[in-house]
């Protein structure tokens, strides 16, 4: 699933193209990473562990999103 799909019109040619946007999983992981990094000193952060934990959180959010019916 993609986040933020958009249409782009080239300023000189006028040609319109569609972009799918970024993966929703990556978007969720980025949001989780912001929360982690705002609560820790950068010298205390292990990059690999942060990335792994953020993607685990993103996977959980994706799973929960599928389980909750659309309102």
C-alpha atoms as a PDB file:
ATOM      1  CA  UNK A   1       0.000   0.000   0.000  1.00  0.00           C
ATOM      2  CA  UNK A   2       1.265   3.475  -0.802  1.00  0.00           C
ATOM      3  CA  UNK A   3       1.129   6.744   1.132  1.00  0.00           C
ATOM      4  CA  UNK A   4       0.619  10.115  -0.515  1.00  0.00           C
ATOM      5  CA  UNK A   5      -0.009   9.276  -4.162  1.00  0.00           C
ATOM      6  CA  UNK A   6      -0.054  12.418  -6.280  1.00  0.00           C
ATOM      7  CA  UNK A   7      -0.357  13.754  -9.811  1.00  0.00           C
ATOM      8  CA  UNK A   8       2.427  15.965 -11.140  1.00  0.00           C
ATOM      9  CA  UNK A   9       2.192  18.359 -14.065  1.00  0.00           C
ATOM     10  CA  UNK A  10       5.568  19.199 -15.624  1.00  0.00           C
ATOM     11  CA  UNK A  11       5.980  23.007 -15.591  1.00  0.00           C
ATOM     12  CA  UNK A  12       7.288  23.367 -19.153  1.00  0.00           C
ATOM     13  CA  UNK A  13       5.931  20.400 -21.106  1.00  0.00           C
ATOM     14  CA  UNK A  14       2.565  20.272 -19.371  1.00  0.00           C
ATOM     15  CA  UNK A  15       2.760  16.470 -19.323  1.00  0.00           C
ATOM     16  CA  UNK A  16       0.931  14.951 -16.355  1.00  0.00           C
ATOM     17  CA  UNK A  17       2.320  11.905 -14.570  1.00  0.00           C
ATOM     18  CA  UNK A  18       1.115   9.948 -11.576  1.00  0.00           C
ATOM     19  CA  UNK A  19       3.365   8.962  -8.689  1.00  0.00           C
ATOM     20  CA  UNK A  20       2.414   6.144  -6.341  1.00  0.00           C
ATOM     21  CA  UNK A  21       4.160   7.817  -3.421  1.00  0.00           C
ATOM     22  CA  UNK A  22       6.115   6.008  -0.723  1.00  0.00           C
ATOM     23  CA  UNK A  23       5.242   2.701   0.904  1.00  0.00           C
ATOM     24  CA  UNK A  24       2.874   3.107   3.840  1.00  0.00           C
ATOM     25  CA  UNK A  25       5.119   0.769   5.864  1.00  0.00           C
ATOM     26  CA  UNK A  26       8.087   3.102   5.293  1.00  0.00           C
ATOM     27  CA  UNK A  27       5.937   6.093   6.285  1.00  0.00           C
ATOM     28  CA  UNK A  28       4.905   4.392   9.538  1.00  0.00           C
ATOM     29  CA  UNK A  29       8.533   3.403  10.274  1.00  0.00           C
ATOM     30  CA  UNK A  30       9.644   6.991   9.713  1.00  0.00           C
ATOM     31  CA  UNK A  31       7.054   8.264  12.162  1.00  0.00           C
ATOM     32  CA  UNK A  32       8.180   5.706  14.742  1.00  0.00           C
ATOM     33  CA  UNK A  33      11.810   6.713  14.166  1.00  0.00           C
ATOM     34  CA  UNK A  34      10.983  10.370  14.853  1.00  0.00           C
ATOM     35  CA  UNK A  35       9.468   9.413  18.185  1.00  0.00           C
ATOM     36  CA  UNK A  36      12.476   7.273  19.137  1.00  0.00           C
ATOM     37  CA  UNK A  37      15.039   9.894  18.180  1.00  0.00           C
ATOM     38  CA  UNK A  38      13.261  12.732  19.988  1.00  0.00           C
ATOM     39  CA  UNK A  39      13.430  10.736  23.210  1.00  0.00           C
ATOM     40  CA  UNK A  40      17.086   9.621  23.073  1.00  0.00           C
ATOM     41  CA  UNK A  41      20.480  11.257  22.729  1.00  0.00           C
ATOM     42  CA  UNK A  42      21.961  10.392  19.338  1.00  0.00           C
ATOM     43  CA  UNK A  43      25.142   8.995  20.903  1.00  0.00           C
ATOM     44  CA  UNK A  44      22.982   6.520  22.869  1.00  0.00           C
ATOM     45  CA  UNK A  45      21.241   5.176  19.741  1.00  0.00           C
ATOM     46  CA  UNK A  46      22.243   1.952  17.953  1.00  0.00           C
ATOM     47  CA  UNK A  47      21.156   2.590  14.357  1.00  0.00           C
ATOM     48  CA  UNK A  48      20.477  -1.069  13.529  1.00  0.00           C
ATOM     49  CA  UNK A  49      18.345  -1.577  16.632  1.00  0.00           C
ATOM     50  CA  UNK A  50      16.387   1.634  16.016  1.00  0.00           C
ATOM     51  CA  UNK A  51      15.692   0.678  12.400  1.00  0.00           C
ATOM     52  CA  UNK A  52      14.639  -2.851  13.364  1.00  0.00           C
ATOM     53  CA  UNK A  53      12.338  -1.609  16.137  1.00  0.00           C
ATOM     54  CA  UNK A  54      10.786   1.065  13.922  1.00  0.00           C
ATOM     55  CA  UNK A  55       9.979  -1.437  11.188  1.00  0.00           C
ATOM     56  CA  UNK A  56       8.560  -3.835  13.780  1.00  0.00           C
ATOM     57  CA  UNK A  57       6.295  -1.016  14.956  1.00  0.00           C
ATOM     58  CA  UNK A  58       5.365  -0.244  11.343  1.00  0.00           C
ATOM     59  CA  UNK A  59       4.501  -3.913  10.764  1.00  0.00           C
ATOM     60  CA  UNK A  60       2.304  -3.863  13.862  1.00  0.00           C
ATOM     61  CA  UNK A  61       0.539  -0.720  12.616  1.00  0.00           C
ATOM     62  CA  UNK A  62      -0.019  -2.324   9.207  1.00  0.00           C
ATOM     63  CA  UNK A  63      -1.446  -5.442  10.886  1.00  0.00           C
ATOM     64  CA  UNK A  64      -3.740  -3.409  13.118  1.00  0.00           C
ATOM     65  CA  UNK A  65      -4.880  -1.367  10.149  1.00  0.00           C
ATOM     66  CA  UNK A  66      -6.066  -4.535   8.391  1.00  0.00           C
ATOM     67  CA  UNK A  67      -7.912  -5.773  11.468  1.00  0.00           C
ATOM     68  CA  UNK A  68      -9.923  -2.621  12.126  1.00  0.00           C
ATOM     69  CA  UNK A  69     -12.939  -2.266   9.824  1.00  0.00           C
ATOM     70  CA  UNK A  70     -13.149   0.954   7.819  1.00  0.00           C
ATOM     71  CA  UNK A  71     -15.677   3.368   9.233  1.00  0.00           C
END
